[in-house]
Amino acid sequence: MPMLAMAAMAAMVGAILMSKYRQHGSLIGVILTLASCSAQPEGGTGGACKLSCSGSRIGGAEFKIVALQPALTLACVGDFSAKSEVALGSPITVRYKIYQDVVTTFPSSAANGGGNAGGGAASTAPGNTNPLTLPAASIGFEPVVYGSMALDKTVADFRGSDGNVNPAKYGGIVTPPSEWCSDSCGVMTFEVWPNCVKGGQQVTTGVLSGAVSKDVPNTIVNLSNSQ
């Protein structure tokens, strides 16, 4: 086959394929993006999960939130000779994932008429139905924590020069408000700094975000010690 004829044929095939799949390009892009996402944020510039909270929005009723670590048990060691509560050696990271369940239909093509012989045009027939879980990026949240917290470790945004925390409900939260949103993989991450309490204690964390807040599960952190 002459070179010009081969080039013309290749161009024609490419045009047909682009026409057939152009309407599904956005969905394919989403699927490829999902394939690159992991369950938690990735560090460094090469990570797939990116955090950008500018223009973040609150969660709607169509979203769901799950705790990636519903329960944690940590050993808590401290010197309780002078007081019954001392700050834990390092903060605790808690993570939640916000997502939306959707159902998509990938259409299949069927030829009307006799194909090349009859000159029939291609049409779309019902195809396979596929459930997808889509992560929700840039959803703002408010962290919630209950328990004895190391107030002096609270992020500076809420800690005054006198050492008091205002509002008090943010006591022990280490992550700044500029990072209170889900990353591109739908993961909400924040750090809390609890106290070691003589005899042990239980810390409960959660997140609030618009209409989805009523269904958010908690993360239970058990801090135990032998004293």
Protein backbone atom coordinates (compact mmCIF):
# COMPACT_ATOMS: atom_id res chain seq x y z
CA MET A 1 0.00 0.00 0.00
CA PRO A 2 1.45 3.43 -0.91
CA MET A 3 2.74 5.48 2.04
CA LEU A 4 0.21 8.31 1.51
CA ALA A 5 -2.68 5.84 1.52
CA MET A 6 -1.45 4.28 4.79
CA ALA A 7 -1.16 7.69 6.41
CA ALA A 8 -4.67 8.63 5.31
CA MET A 9 -6.09 5.39 6.69
CA ALA A 10 -4.33 5.86 10.06
CA ALA A 11 -5.74 9.39 10.33
CA MET A 12 -9.25 8.14 9.59
CA VAL A 13 -9.06 5.38 12.23
CA GLY A 14 -7.77 7.86 14.79
CA ALA A 15 -10.64 10.23 14.08
CA ILE A 16 -13.20 7.43 14.51
CA LEU A 17 -11.73 6.34 17.85
CA MET A 18 -11.58 9.91 19.16
CA SER A 19 -15.22 10.46 18.17
CA LYS A 20 -16.32 7.22 19.84
CA TYR A 21 -14.62 7.84 23.18
CA ARG A 22 -14.64 11.63 23.46
CA GLN A 23 -17.87 11.58 25.43
CA HIS A 24 -16.33 9.22 27.98
CA GLY A 25 -13.03 11.09 28.33
CA SER A 26 -13.89 12.69 31.65
CA LEU A 27 -14.91 9.38 33.20
CA ILE A 28 -11.76 7.65 31.95
CA GLY A 29 -9.71 10.49 33.43
CA VAL A 30 -11.41 10.04 36.80
CA ILE A 31 -10.74 6.29 36.74
CA LEU A 32 -7.07 6.86 35.98
CA THR A 33 -6.87 9.39 38.80
CA LEU A 34 -8.48 6.93 41.23
CA ALA A 35 -5.94 4.29 40.28
CA SER A 36 -3.14 6.59 41.41
CA CYS A 37 -4.69 7.37 44.81
CA SER A 38 -3.71 5.57 47.98
CA ALA A 39 -5.51 5.31 51.31
CA GLN A 40 -3.49 8.06 52.95
CA PRO A 41 -1.61 11.22 51.96
CA GLU A 42 1.80 10.75 50.43
CA GLY A 43 4.76 12.94 51.30
CA GLY A 44 7.12 14.69 48.93
CA THR A 45 6.51 16.29 45.58
CA GLY A 46 6.12 12.91 43.87
CA GLY A 47 3.13 11.78 45.96
CA ALA A 48 -0.18 11.15 44.22
CA CYS A 49 -2.36 12.70 46.95
CA LYS A 50 -2.16 16.51 46.94
CA LEU A 51 -3.53 18.85 49.61
CA SER A 52 -4.99 22.18 48.53
CA CYS A 53 -7.51 23.86 50.82
CA SER A 54 -7.98 27.11 48.90
CA GLY A 55 -11.59 27.20 47.79
CA SER A 56 -12.56 24.20 49.93
CA ARG A 57 -16.27 23.50 50.45
CA ILE A 58 -18.38 21.76 53.08
CA GLY A 59 -19.58 18.20 52.65
CA GLY A 60 -23.04 17.51 51.24
CA ALA A 61 -25.48 14.75 52.12
CA GLU A 62 -24.33 12.73 49.09
CA PHE A 63 -20.94 12.06 50.70
CA LYS A 64 -19.87 9.43 53.23
CA ILE A 65 -16.99 9.53 55.71
CA VAL A 66 -15.17 6.56 57.22
CA ALA A 67 -12.42 6.41 59.82
CA LEU A 68 -9.32 4.82 58.33
CA GLN A 69 -8.22 3.78 61.84
CA PRO A 70 -11.37 3.29 63.95
CA ALA A 71 -9.39 2.26 67.04
CA LEU A 72 -5.84 2.75 68.28
CA THR A 73 -4.13 1.45 71.41
CA LEU A 74 -0.90 3.09 72.49
CA ALA A 75 1.38 2.62 75.47
CA CYS A 76 1.62 5.82 77.49
CA VAL A 77 4.74 6.29 79.59
CA GLY A 78 5.26 9.31 81.82
CA ASP A 79 6.69 10.54 85.12
CA PHE A 80 3.68 10.90 87.40
CA SER A 81 5.68 11.62 90.58
CA ALA A 82 4.78 15.32 90.52
CA LYS A 83 1.46 15.37 88.61
CA SER A 84 -1.12 12.96 87.27
CA GLU A 85 -0.99 14.15 83.66
CA VAL A 86 1.99 14.70 81.33
CA ALA A 87 2.12 15.29 77.58
CA LEU A 88 2.47 12.24 75.36
CA GLY A 89 5.91 11.96 73.73
CA SER A 90 4.59 12.85 70.25
CA PRO A 91 1.29 13.76 68.54
CA ILE A 92 -1.14 11.19 67.14
CA THR A 93 -2.22 11.29 63.49
CA VAL A 94 -5.84 10.42 62.71
CA ARG A 95 -7.30 10.01 59.22
CA TYR A 96 -10.75 9.90 57.69
CA LYS A 97 -11.81 9.37 54.09
CA ILE A 98 -14.68 11.19 52.41
CA TYR A 99 -16.15 9.74 49.23
CA GLN A 100 -19.23 9.40 47.06
CA ASP A 101 -20.74 6.19 45.65
CA VAL A 102 -21.82 6.53 42.03
CA VAL A 103 -23.05 4.09 39.40
CA THR A 104 -21.91 4.48 35.80
CA THR A 105 -22.92 2.69 32.61
CA PHE A 106 -20.31 2.03 29.96
CA PRO A 107 -22.29 1.94 26.70
CA SER A 108 -21.73 -0.62 23.98
CA SER A 109 -22.01 0.23 20.28
CA ALA A 110 -24.48 -1.50 17.97
CA ALA A 111 -24.76 -0.97 14.23
CA ASN A 112 -28.11 -0.06 12.74
CA GLY A 113 -28.64 -1.37 9.26
CA GLY A 114 -26.21 -3.45 7.32
CA GLY A 115 -22.92 -1.90 8.34
CA ASN A 116 -20.79 -1.00 5.34
CA ALA A 117 -23.24 -2.62 2.96
CA GLY A 118 -26.29 -0.73 4.20
CA GLY A 119 -24.49 2.43 5.28
CA GLY A 120 -26.09 2.28 8.74
CA ALA A 121 -24.92 4.68 11.47
CA ALA A 122 -23.53 3.43 14.78
CA SER A 123 -25.80 3.81 17.84
CA THR A 124 -25.35 3.31 21.57
CA ALA A 125 -27.01 0.40 23.35
CA PRO A 126 -27.17 -0.26 27.11
CA GLY A 127 -23.93 -1.73 28.40
CA ASN A 128 -22.44 -2.83 31.72
CA THR A 129 -23.30 -1.02 34.95
CA ASN A 130 -20.31 -0.40 37.21
CA PRO A 131 -20.32 0.98 40.77
CA LEU A 132 -17.53 3.44 41.52
CA THR A 133 -16.27 5.07 44.69
CA LEU A 134 -15.12 8.60 43.98
CA PRO A 135 -12.95 10.41 46.56
CA ALA A 136 -14.04 13.97 47.37
CA ALA A 137 -11.20 16.48 47.28
CA SER A 138 -11.01 19.88 49.01
CA ILE A 139 -13.88 19.22 51.43
CA GLY A 140 -13.36 21.41 54.49
CA PHE A 141 -13.77 19.90 57.94
CA GLU A 142 -13.61 20.80 61.61
CA PRO A 143 -11.66 18.42 63.85
CA VAL A 144 -13.30 17.26 67.06
CA VAL A 145 -11.50 15.82 70.07
CA TYR A 146 -12.58 14.70 73.53
CA GLY A 147 -10.18 13.78 76.34
CA SER A 148 -7.33 15.21 78.36
CA MET A 149 -5.15 17.13 75.89
CA ALA A 150 -1.72 18.79 76.08
CA LEU A 151 -2.91 22.39 75.74
CA ASP A 152 0.59 23.81 75.43
CA LYS A 153 1.04 21.78 72.22
CA THR A 154 -1.99 23.35 70.53
CA VAL A 155 -1.34 25.01 67.16
CA ALA A 156 -0.44 28.68 67.60
CA ASP A 157 -3.61 29.83 65.77
CA PHE A 158 -5.63 29.08 68.91
CA ARG A 159 -3.05 29.56 71.68
CA GLY A 160 -2.71 32.97 73.28
CA SER A 161 0.39 34.52 74.84
CA ASP A 162 -0.99 33.56 78.25
CA GLY A 163 -1.07 29.90 77.22
CA ASN A 164 -4.86 29.67 77.14
CA VAL A 165 -6.59 28.04 74.18
CA ASN A 166 -9.48 29.86 72.48
CA PRO A 167 -11.81 28.31 71.49
CA ALA A 168 -11.14 25.68 74.13
CA LYS A 169 -12.57 22.91 71.92
CA TYR A 170 -9.41 23.07 69.78
CA GLY A 171 -7.12 22.32 72.70
CA GLY A 172 -4.46 19.76 71.75
CA ILE A 173 -5.05 20.01 68.00
CA VAL A 174 -1.68 20.43 66.27
CA THR A 175 -2.68 20.78 62.60
CA PRO A 176 -3.27 24.40 61.46
CA PRO A 177 -6.71 25.36 60.05
CA SER A 178 -5.13 25.99 56.63
CA GLU A 179 -4.86 22.19 56.31
CA TRP A 180 -8.38 21.31 57.43
CA CYS A 181 -9.62 19.80 54.17
CA SER A 182 -9.50 16.51 52.27
CA ASP A 183 -6.64 15.90 49.87
CA SER A 184 -7.02 14.83 46.24
CA CYS A 185 -7.56 11.22 47.39
CA GLY A 186 -10.36 12.25 49.75
CA VAL A 187 -8.31 11.79 52.94
CA MET A 188 -8.83 14.15 55.89
CA THR A 189 -5.78 14.20 58.15
CA PHE A 190 -5.04 16.00 61.40
CA GLU A 191 -2.85 15.54 64.46
CA VAL A 192 -3.79 15.72 68.13
CA TRP A 193 -1.54 15.81 71.18
CA PRO A 194 -3.12 14.12 74.19
CA ASN A 195 -1.84 13.76 77.73
CA CYS A 196 -0.61 10.62 79.40
CA VAL A 197 -2.92 10.22 82.36
CA LYS A 198 -2.05 8.15 85.40
CA GLY A 199 -4.18 5.04 85.10
CA GLY A 200 -4.76 5.61 81.38
CA GLN A 201 -7.39 7.46 79.37
CA GLN A 202 -9.47 7.22 76.21
CA VAL A 203 -9.39 9.99 73.59
CA THR A 204 -12.15 10.28 70.97
CA THR A 205 -11.66 12.17 67.69
CA GLY A 206 -13.94 12.94 64.77
CA VAL A 207 -14.63 15.43 61.98
CA LEU A 208 -17.54 17.73 61.17
CA SER A 209 -18.42 18.87 57.65
CA GLY A 210 -21.86 20.11 56.70
CA ALA A 211 -24.68 17.66 56.09
CA VAL A 212 -22.36 14.62 56.15
CA SER A 213 -21.39 15.20 59.80
CA LYS A 214 -24.28 13.20 61.28
CA ASP A 215 -22.89 9.94 59.91
CA VAL A 216 -19.21 10.37 60.80
CA PRO A 217 -17.70 7.54 62.86
CA ASN A 218 -15.25 8.25 65.64
CA THR A 219 -11.67 7.19 66.17
CA ILE A 220 -11.08 5.81 69.67
CA VAL A 221 -7.52 6.14 71.01
CA ASN A 222 -6.76 4.09 74.11
CA LEU A 223 -3.74 5.37 76.04
CA SER A 224 -2.78 2.83 78.67
CA ASN A 225 -0.07 2.72 81.31
CA SER A 226 0.72 0.49 84.23
CA GLN A 227 0.92 3.22 86.85
